[in-house]
PDB file of all heavy atoms in Angstrom:
ATOM      1  N   LEU A   1      99.459 101.452  91.037  1.00  0.00           N
ATOM      2  CA  LEU A   1      99.730 102.454  92.016  1.00  0.00           C
ATOM      3  C   LEU A   1      99.136 102.257  93.298  1.00  0.00           C
ATOM      4  O   LEU A   1      99.719 102.450  94.348  1.00  0.00           O
ATOM      5  CB  LEU A   1      99.433 103.833  91.302  1.00  0.00           C
ATOM      6  CG  LEU A   1      99.796 105.039  92.270  1.00  0.00           C
ATOM      7  CD1 LEU A   1     101.323 105.097  92.490  1.00  0.00           C
ATOM      8  CD2 LEU A   1      99.381 106.330  91.482  1.00  0.00           C
ATOM      9  N   SER A   2      97.921 101.777  93.292  1.00  0.00           N
ATOM     10  CA  SER A   2      97.232 101.567  94.551  1.00  0.00           C
ATOM     11  C   SER A   2      97.876 100.402  95.349  1.00  0.00           C
ATOM     12  O   SER A   2      97.963 100.558  96.498  1.00  0.00           O
ATOM     13  CB  SER A   2      95.764 101.270  94.387  1.00  0.00           C
ATOM     14  OG  SER A   2      95.528 100.085  93.603  1.00  0.00           O
ATOM     15  N   GLU A   3      98.368  99.360  94.734  1.00  0.00           N
ATOM     16  CA  GLU A   3      99.128  98.275  95.375  1.00  0.00           C
ATOM     17  C   GLU A   3     100.403  98.873  95.998  1.00  0.00           C
ATOM     18  O   GLU A   3     100.766  98.532  97.112  1.00  0.00           O
ATOM     19  CB  GLU A   3      99.412  97.269  94.435  1.00  0.00           C
ATOM     20  CG  GLU A   3     100.175  96.016  95.046  1.00  0.00           C
ATOM     21  CD  GLU A   3     100.536  94.954  93.931  1.00  0.00           C
ATOM     22  OE1 GLU A   3      99.635  94.459  93.211  1.00  0.00           O
ATOM     23  OE2 GLU A   3     101.717  94.713  93.838  1.00  0.00           O
ATOM     24  N   LEU A   4     101.116  99.746  95.214  1.00  0.00           N
ATOM     25  CA  LEU A   4     102.386 100.182  95.664  1.00  0.00           C
ATOM     26  C   LEU A   4     102.113 101.135  96.895  1.00  0.00           C
ATOM     27  O   LEU A   4     102.821 101.113  97.951  1.00  0.00           O
ATOM     28  CB  LEU A   4     103.050 101.161  94.638  1.00  0.00           C
ATOM     29  CG  LEU A   4     104.207 101.927  95.076  1.00  0.00           C
ATOM     30  CD1 LEU A   4     105.568 101.505  94.538  1.00  0.00           C
ATOM     31  CD2 LEU A   4     103.954 103.413  94.813  1.00  0.00           C
ATOM     32  N   GLN A   5     100.992 102.002  96.830  1.00  0.00           N
ATOM     33  CA  GLN A   5     100.719 102.710  97.986  1.00  0.00           C
ATOM     34  C   GLN A   5     100.238 102.038  99.194  1.00  0.00           C
ATOM     35  O   GLN A   5     100.514 102.494 100.286  1.00  0.00           O
ATOM     36  CB  GLN A   5      99.606 103.797  97.560  1.00  0.00           C
ATOM     37  CG  GLN A   5     100.221 104.820  96.550  1.00  0.00           C
ATOM     38  CD  GLN A   5      99.214 105.859  96.015  1.00  0.00           C
ATOM     39  OE1 GLN A   5      98.091 105.607  96.042  1.00  0.00           O
ATOM     40  NE2 GLN A   5      99.703 106.991  95.573  1.00  0.00           N
ATOM     41  N   GLY A   6      99.560 100.863  98.964  1.00  0.00           N
ATOM     42  CA  GLY A   6      99.228 100.044 100.171  1.00  0.00           C
ATOM     43  C   GLY A   6     100.511  99.509 100.817  1.00  0.00           C
ATOM     44  O   GLY A   6     100.556  99.434 102.029  1.00  0.00           O
ATOM     45  N   ALA A   7     101.459  99.056 100.020  1.00  0.00           N
ATOM     46  CA  ALA A   7     102.671  98.573 100.613  1.00  0.00           C
ATOM     47  C   ALA A   7     103.545  99.690 101.225  1.00  0.00           C
ATOM     48  O   ALA A   7     104.008  99.530 102.273  1.00  0.00           O
ATOM     49  CB  ALA A   7     103.655  98.038  99.402  1.00  0.00           C
ATOM     50  N   ALA A   8     103.495 100.908 100.719  1.00  0.00           N
ATOM     51  CA  ALA A   8     104.101 102.069 101.371  1.00  0.00           C
ATOM     52  C   ALA A   8     103.423 102.328 102.748  1.00  0.00           C
ATOM     53  O   ALA A   8     104.099 102.578 103.688  1.00  0.00           O
ATOM     54  CB  ALA A   8     104.061 103.258 100.497  1.00  0.00           C
ATOM     55  N   SER A   9     102.110 102.355 102.838  1.00  0.00           N
ATOM     56  CA  SER A   9     101.376 102.562 104.011  1.00  0.00           C
ATOM     57  C   SER A   9     101.768 101.440 105.074  1.00  0.00           C
ATOM     58  O   SER A   9     102.060 101.765 106.245  1.00  0.00           O
ATOM     59  CB  SER A   9      99.868 102.494 103.700  1.00  0.00           C
ATOM     60  OG  SER A   9      99.174 102.666 105.014  1.00  0.00           O
ATOM     61  N   ALA A  10     101.818 100.211 104.625  1.00  0.00           N
ATOM     62  CA  ALA A  10     102.288  99.132 105.529  1.00  0.00           C
ATOM     63  C   ALA A  10     103.637  99.224 106.082  1.00  0.00           C
ATOM     64  O   ALA A  10     103.949  98.857 107.205  1.00  0.00           O
ATOM     65  CB  ALA A  10     102.035  97.841 104.786  1.00  0.00           C
ATOM     66  N   ALA A  11     104.497  99.887 105.182  1.00  0.00           N
ATOM     67  CA  ALA A  11     105.836 100.168 105.687  1.00  0.00           C
ATOM     68  C   ALA A  11     106.094 101.352 106.470  1.00  0.00           C
ATOM     69  O   ALA A  11     107.122 101.672 106.863  1.00  0.00           O
ATOM     70  CB  ALA A  11     106.696 100.240 104.416  1.00  0.00           C
ATOM     71  N   GLY A  12     104.947 102.091 106.602  1.00  0.00           N
ATOM     72  CA  GLY A  12     105.073 103.314 107.563  1.00  0.00           C
ATOM     73  C   GLY A  12     105.240 104.758 106.788  1.00  0.00           C
ATOM     74  O   GLY A  12     105.423 105.690 107.392  1.00  0.00           O
ATOM     75  N   ALA A  13     105.157 104.650 105.411  1.00  0.00           N
ATOM     76  CA  ALA A  13     105.316 105.877 104.646  1.00  0.00           C
ATOM     77  C   ALA A  13     104.025 106.695 104.681  1.00  0.00           C
ATOM     78  O   ALA A  13     102.905 106.184 104.860  1.00  0.00           O
ATOM     79  CB  ALA A  13     105.632 105.505 103.161  1.00  0.00           C
ATOM     80  N   ASP A  14     104.242 107.992 104.500  1.00  0.00           N
ATOM     81  CA  ASP A  14     103.069 108.902 104.404  1.00  0.00           C
ATOM     82  C   ASP A  14     102.391 108.884 103.065  1.00  0.00           C
ATOM     83  O   ASP A  14     102.949 109.185 102.067  1.00  0.00           O
ATOM     84  CB  ASP A  14     103.606 110.374 104.723  1.00  0.00           C
ATOM     85  CG  ASP A  14     102.497 111.316 104.591  1.00  0.00           C
ATOM     86  OD1 ASP A  14     101.348 110.963 104.645  1.00  0.00           O
ATOM     87  OD2 ASP A  14     102.856 112.603 104.522  1.00  0.00           O
ATOM     88  N   VAL A  15     101.217 108.274 103.057  1.00  0.00           N
ATOM     89  CA  VAL A  15     100.441 108.239 101.874  1.00  0.00           C
ATOM     90  C   VAL A  15      99.093 109.001 101.980  1.00  0.00           C
ATOM     91  O   VAL A  15      98.125 108.585 101.334  1.00  0.00           O
ATOM     92  CB  VAL A  15     100.178 106.628 101.521  1.00  0.00           C
ATOM     93  CG1 VAL A  15     101.424 105.944 101.211  1.00  0.00           C
ATOM     94  CG2 VAL A  15      99.442 105.926 102.579  1.00  0.00           C
ATOM     95  N   SER A  16      99.235 110.088 102.660  1.00  0.00           N
ATOM     96  CA  SER A  16      97.958 110.888 102.827  1.00  0.00           C
ATOM     97  C   SER A  16      97.527 111.498 101.494  1.00  0.00           C
ATOM     98  O   SER A  16      98.344 111.654 100.479  1.00  0.00           O
ATOM     99  CB  SER A  16      98.432 112.050 103.713  1.00  0.00           C
ATOM    100  OG  SER A  16      99.504 112.806 103.403  1.00  0.00           O
ATOM    101  N   GLU A  17      96.218 111.817 101.457  1.00  0.00           N
ATOM    102  CA  GLU A  17      95.644 112.352 100.145  1.00  0.00           C
ATOM    103  C   GLU A  17      96.357 113.668  99.741  1.00  0.00           C
ATOM    104  O   GLU A  17      96.717 114.378 100.529  1.00  0.00           O
ATOM    105  CB  GLU A  17      94.160 112.518 100.416  1.00  0.00           C
ATOM    106  CG  GLU A  17      93.432 112.837  99.172  1.00  0.00           C
ATOM    107  CD  GLU A  17      91.892 112.916  99.389  1.00  0.00           C
ATOM    108  OE1 GLU A  17      91.483 112.173 100.274  1.00  0.00           O
ATOM    109  OE2 GLU A  17      91.245 113.672  98.632  1.00  0.00           O
ATOM    110  N   GLY A  18      96.529 113.723  98.444  1.00  0.00           N
ATOM    111  CA  GLY A  18      97.196 114.827  97.906  1.00  0.00           C
ATOM    112  C   GLY A  18      98.768 114.685  97.794  1.00  0.00           C
ATOM    113  O   GLY A  18      99.407 115.474  97.148  1.00  0.00           O
ATOM    114  N   ARG A  19      99.265 113.598  98.425  1.00  0.00           N
ATOM    115  CA  ARG A  19     100.760 113.356  98.305  1.00  0.00           C
ATOM    116  C   ARG A  19     100.949 112.366  97.105  1.00  0.00           C
ATOM    117  O   ARG A  19     100.219 111.378  97.045  1.00  0.00           O
ATOM    118  CB  ARG A  19     101.215 112.669  99.579  1.00  0.00           C
ATOM    119  CG  ARG A  19     102.667 112.487  99.402  1.00  0.00           C
ATOM    120  CD  ARG A  19     103.405 112.525 100.928  1.00  0.00           C
ATOM    121  NE  ARG A  19     104.688 112.625 100.720  1.00  0.00           N
ATOM    122  CZ  ARG A  19     105.448 111.478 100.759  1.00  0.00           C
ATOM    123  NH1 ARG A  19     104.926 110.294 100.868  1.00  0.00           N
ATOM    124  NH2 ARG A  19     106.768 111.536 100.664  1.00  0.00           N
ATOM    125  N   SER A  20     101.778 112.737  96.250  1.00  0.00           N
ATOM    126  CA  SER A  20     102.000 111.873  95.058  1.00  0.00           C
ATOM    127  C   SER A  20     103.118 110.987  95.160  1.00  0.00           C
ATOM    128  O   SER A  20     104.253 111.083  94.849  1.00  0.00           O
ATOM    129  CB  SER A  20     102.265 112.762  93.835  1.00  0.00           C
ATOM    130  OG  SER A  20     102.399 112.079  92.690  1.00  0.00           O
ATOM    131  N   LEU A  21     102.832 109.826  95.839  1.00  0.00           N
ATOM    132  CA  LEU A  21     103.788 108.786  96.098  1.00  0.00           C
ATOM    133  C   LEU A  21     103.843 107.827  94.902  1.00  0.00           C
ATOM    134  O   LEU A  21     102.984 107.174  94.667  1.00  0.00           O
ATOM    135  CB  LEU A  21     103.502 108.020  97.427  1.00  0.00           C
ATOM    136  CG  LEU A  21     104.426 106.943  97.839  1.00  0.00           C
ATOM    137  CD1 LEU A  21     105.698 107.654  98.440  1.00  0.00           C
ATOM    138  CD2 LEU A  21     103.898 105.935  98.672  1.00  0.00           C
ATOM    139  N   ARG A  22     104.980 107.831  94.123  1.00  0.00           N
ATOM    140  CA  ARG A  22     105.072 107.070  92.946  1.00  0.00           C
ATOM    141  C   ARG A  22     105.989 105.875  93.089  1.00  0.00           C
ATOM    142  O   ARG A  22     106.158 104.993  92.230  1.00  0.00           O
ATOM    143  CB  ARG A  22     105.555 107.954  91.791  1.00  0.00           C
ATOM    144  CG  ARG A  22     104.621 109.173  91.624  1.00  0.00           C
ATOM    145  CD  ARG A  22     103.303 108.842  91.272  1.00  0.00           C
ATOM    146  NE  ARG A  22     103.271 108.268  89.932  1.00  0.00           N
ATOM    147  CZ  ARG A  22     102.192 107.833  89.198  1.00  0.00           C
ATOM    148  NH1 ARG A  22     101.062 107.980  89.766  1.00  0.00           N
ATOM    149  NH2 ARG A  22     102.344 107.270  88.009  1.00  0.00           N
ATOM    150  N   ALA A  23     106.864 105.830  94.147  1.00  0.00           N
ATOM    151  CA  ALA A  23     107.945 104.898  94.529  1.00  0.00           C
ATOM    152  C   ALA A  23     108.388 105.186  95.909  1.00  0.00           C
ATOM    153  O   ALA A  23     108.128 106.184  96.455  1.00  0.00           O
ATOM    154  CB  ALA A  23     109.069 105.013  93.538  1.00  0.00           C
ATOM    155  N   PHE A  24     108.934 104.113  96.488  1.00  0.00           N
ATOM    156  CA  PHE A  24     109.585 104.377  97.840  1.00  0.00           C
ATOM    157  C   PHE A  24     110.593 103.307  98.116  1.00  0.00           C
ATOM    158  O   PHE A  24     110.664 102.289  97.344  1.00  0.00           O
ATOM    159  CB  PHE A  24     108.479 104.267  98.990  1.00  0.00           C
ATOM    160  CG  PHE A  24     107.959 102.849  99.289  1.00  0.00           C
ATOM    161  CD1 PHE A  24     108.432 102.291 100.404  1.00  0.00           C
ATOM    162  CD2 PHE A  24     106.825 102.464  98.576  1.00  0.00           C
ATOM    163  CE1 PHE A  24     108.020 100.892 100.647  1.00  0.00           C
ATOM    164  CE2 PHE A  24     106.335 101.142  98.870  1.00  0.00           C
ATOM    165  CZ  PHE A  24     106.928 100.423  99.982  1.00  0.00           C
ATOM    166  N   GLY A  25     111.517 103.700  98.898  1.00  0.00           N
ATOM    167  CA  GLY A  25     112.641 102.802  99.356  1.00  0.00           C
ATOM    168  C   GLY A  25     112.678 102.530 100.828  1.00  0.00           C
ATOM    169  O   GLY A  25     112.314 103.349 101.633  1.00  0.00           O
ATOM    170  N   VAL A  26     113.254 101.355 101.115  1.00  0.00           N
ATOM    171  CA  VAL A  26     113.505 101.058 102.545  1.00  0.00           C
ATOM    172  C   VAL A  26     114.997 100.727 102.623  1.00  0.00           C
ATOM    173  O   VAL A  26     115.503  99.809 101.971  1.00  0.00           O
ATOM    174  CB  VAL A  26     112.683  99.800 102.886  1.00  0.00           C
ATOM    175  CG1 VAL A  26     112.943  99.396 104.336  1.00  0.00           C
ATOM    176  CG2 VAL A  26     111.163  99.941 102.718  1.00  0.00           C
ATOM    177  N   ILE A  27     115.634 101.470 103.485  1.00  0.00           N
ATOM    178  CA  ILE A  27     117.153 101.471 103.690  1.00  0.00           C
ATOM    179  C   ILE A  27     117.441 100.605 104.955  1.00  0.00           C
ATOM    180  O   ILE A  27     116.715 100.796 106.004  1.00  0.00           O
ATOM    181  CB  ILE A  27     117.778 102.858 103.723  1.00  0.00           C
ATOM    182  CG1 ILE A  27     117.420 103.661 102.573  1.00  0.00           C
ATOM    183  CG2 ILE A  27     119.172 102.706 104.010  1.00  0.00           C
ATOM    184  CD1 ILE A  27     117.802 105.122 102.628  1.00  0.00           C
ATOM    185  N   SER A  28     118.258  99.652 104.799  1.00  0.00           N
ATOM    186  CA  SER A  28     118.550  98.751 105.989  1.00  0.00           C
ATOM    187  C   SER A  28     119.270  99.638 106.937  1.00  0.00           C
ATOM    188  O   SER A  28     119.798 100.610 106.696  1.00  0.00           O
ATOM    189  CB  SER A  28     119.456  97.567 105.496  1.00  0.00           C
ATOM    190  OG  SER A  28     120.668  97.956 105.064  1.00  0.00           O
ATOM    191  N   GLY A  29     119.233  99.102 108.122  1.00  0.00           N
ATOM    192  CA  GLY A  29     119.819  99.736 109.325  1.00  0.00           C
ATOM    193  C   GLY A  29     121.356 100.005 109.106  1.00  0.00           C
ATOM    194  O   GLY A  29     121.894 101.114 109.510  1.00  0.00           O
ATOM    195  N   ASP A  30     122.078  99.009 108.554  1.00  0.00           N
ATOM    196  CA  ASP A  30     123.444  99.307 108.278  1.00  0.00           C
ATOM    197  C   ASP A  30     123.762  99.996 106.992  1.00  0.00           C
ATOM    198  O   ASP A  30     124.937 100.231 106.707  1.00  0.00           O
ATOM    199  CB  ASP A  30     124.172  97.946 108.323  1.00  0.00           C
ATOM    200  CG  ASP A  30     123.714  96.959 107.204  1.00  0.00           C
ATOM    201  OD1 ASP A  30     122.971  97.358 106.285  1.00  0.00           O
ATOM    202  OD2 ASP A  30     124.236  95.798 107.076  1.00  0.00           O
ATOM    203  N   ARG A  31     122.727 100.282 106.241  1.00  0.00           N
ATOM    204  CA  ARG A  31     122.819 101.007 105.051  1.00  0.00           C
ATOM    205  C   ARG A  31     123.586 100.285 103.945  1.00  0.00           C
ATOM    206  O   ARG A  31     123.931 100.868 102.918  1.00  0.00           O
ATOM    207  CB  ARG A  31     123.368 102.454 105.143  1.00  0.00           C
ATOM    208  CG  ARG A  31     122.472 103.221 106.202  1.00  0.00           C
ATOM    209  CD  ARG A  31     123.048 104.545 106.186  1.00  0.00           C
ATOM    210  NE  ARG A  31     122.242 105.420 107.104  1.00  0.00           N
ATOM    211  CZ  ARG A  31     122.679 106.217 107.990  1.00  0.00           C
ATOM    212  NH1 ARG A  31     123.995 106.475 107.939  1.00  0.00           N
ATOM    213  NH2 ARG A  31     121.916 106.933 108.716  1.00  0.00           N
ATOM    214  N   ALA A  32     123.876  99.043 104.083  1.00  0.00           N
ATOM    215  CA  ALA A  32     124.518  98.203 103.014  1.00  0.00           C
ATOM    216  C   ALA A  32     123.549  97.713 101.954  1.00  0.00           C
ATOM    217  O   ALA A  32     123.988  97.246 101.023  1.00  0.00           O
ATOM    218  CB  ALA A  32     125.348  97.167 103.641  1.00  0.00           C
ATOM    219  N   SER A  33     122.245  97.678 102.244  1.00  0.00           N
ATOM    220  CA  SER A  33     121.241  97.333 101.313  1.00  0.00           C
ATOM    221  C   SER A  33     120.047  98.191 101.356  1.00  0.00           C
ATOM    222  O   SER A  33     119.762  98.893 102.273  1.00  0.00           O
ATOM    223  CB  SER A  33     120.871  95.807 101.664  1.00  0.00           C
ATOM    224  OG  SER A  33     120.294  95.676 102.969  1.00  0.00           O
ATOM    225  N   CYS A  34     119.278  98.069 100.289  1.00  0.00           N
ATOM    226  CA  CYS A  34     118.195  98.967 100.100  1.00  0.00           C
ATOM    227  C   CYS A  34     117.128  98.173  99.166  1.00  0.00           C
ATOM    228  O   CYS A  34     117.416  97.564  98.298  1.00  0.00           O
ATOM    229  CB  CYS A  34     118.673 100.220  99.430  1.00  0.00           C
ATOM    230  SG  CYS A  34     117.385 101.457  99.175  1.00  0.00           S
ATOM    231  N   THR A  35     115.871  98.342  99.583  1.00  0.00           N
ATOM    232  CA  THR A  35     114.842  97.845  98.710  1.00  0.00           C
ATOM    233  C   THR A  35     113.959  98.881  98.095  1.00  0.00           C
ATOM    234  O   THR A  35     113.509  99.825  98.949  1.00  0.00           O
ATOM    235  CB  THR A  35     113.976  96.832  99.664  1.00  0.00           C
ATOM    236  OG1 THR A  35     114.733  95.872 100.153  1.00  0.00           O
ATOM    237  CG2 THR A  35     112.852  96.238  98.737  1.00  0.00           C
ATOM    238  N   ILE A  36     113.868  98.922  96.813  1.00  0.00           N
ATOM    239  CA  ILE A  36     113.007  99.903  96.241  1.00  0.00           C
ATOM    240  C   ILE A  36     111.711  99.365  95.705  1.00  0.00           C
ATOM    241  O   ILE A  36     111.729  98.316  95.073  1.00  0.00           O
ATOM    242  CB  ILE A  36     113.835 100.579  95.032  1.00  0.00           C
ATOM    243  CG1 ILE A  36     115.048 101.197  95.499  1.00  0.00           C
ATOM    244  CG2 ILE A  36     112.959 101.506  94.167  1.00  0.00           C
ATOM    245  CD1 ILE A  36     116.002 101.713  94.353  1.00  0.00           C
ATOM    246  N   HIS A  37     110.695  99.984  95.930  1.00  0.00           N
ATOM    247  CA  HIS A  37     109.316  99.663  95.470  1.00  0.00           C
ATOM    248  C   HIS A  37     108.879 100.604  94.378  1.00  0.00           C
ATOM    249  O   HIS A  37     108.912 101.842  94.675  1.00  0.00           O
ATOM    250  CB  HIS A  37     108.294  99.711  96.649  1.00  0.00           C
ATOM    251  CG  HIS A  37     108.525  98.680  97.751  1.00  0.00           C
ATOM    252  ND1 HIS A  37     107.767  97.570  97.975  1.00  0.00           N
ATOM    253  CD2 HIS A  37     109.498  98.644  98.678  1.00  0.00           C
ATOM    254  CE1 HIS A  37     108.225  96.869  98.913  1.00  0.00           C
ATOM    255  NE2 HIS A  37     109.351  97.511  99.433  1.00  0.00           N
ATOM    256  N   VAL A  38     108.493  99.973  93.291  1.00  0.00           N
ATOM    257  CA  VAL A  38     108.110 100.766  92.062  1.00  0.00           C
ATOM    258  C   VAL A  38     106.884 100.076  91.535  1.00  0.00           C
ATOM    259  O   VAL A  38     106.611  98.919  91.633  1.00  0.00           O
ATOM    260  CB  VAL A  38     109.176 100.998  91.022  1.00  0.00           C
ATOM    261  CG1 VAL A  38     110.279 101.842  91.625  1.00  0.00           C
ATOM    262  CG2 VAL A  38     109.642  99.671  90.468  1.00  0.00           C
TER     263      VAL A  38
END
């Protein structure tokens, strides 16, 4: 989970204390592709 949260922070996601981030996705600009981190 800490590795996932580090990747989320590097991607610009809110990983502030008290927030339960368990996965995150990065949607491409054209929305034809998406990367999910779990």
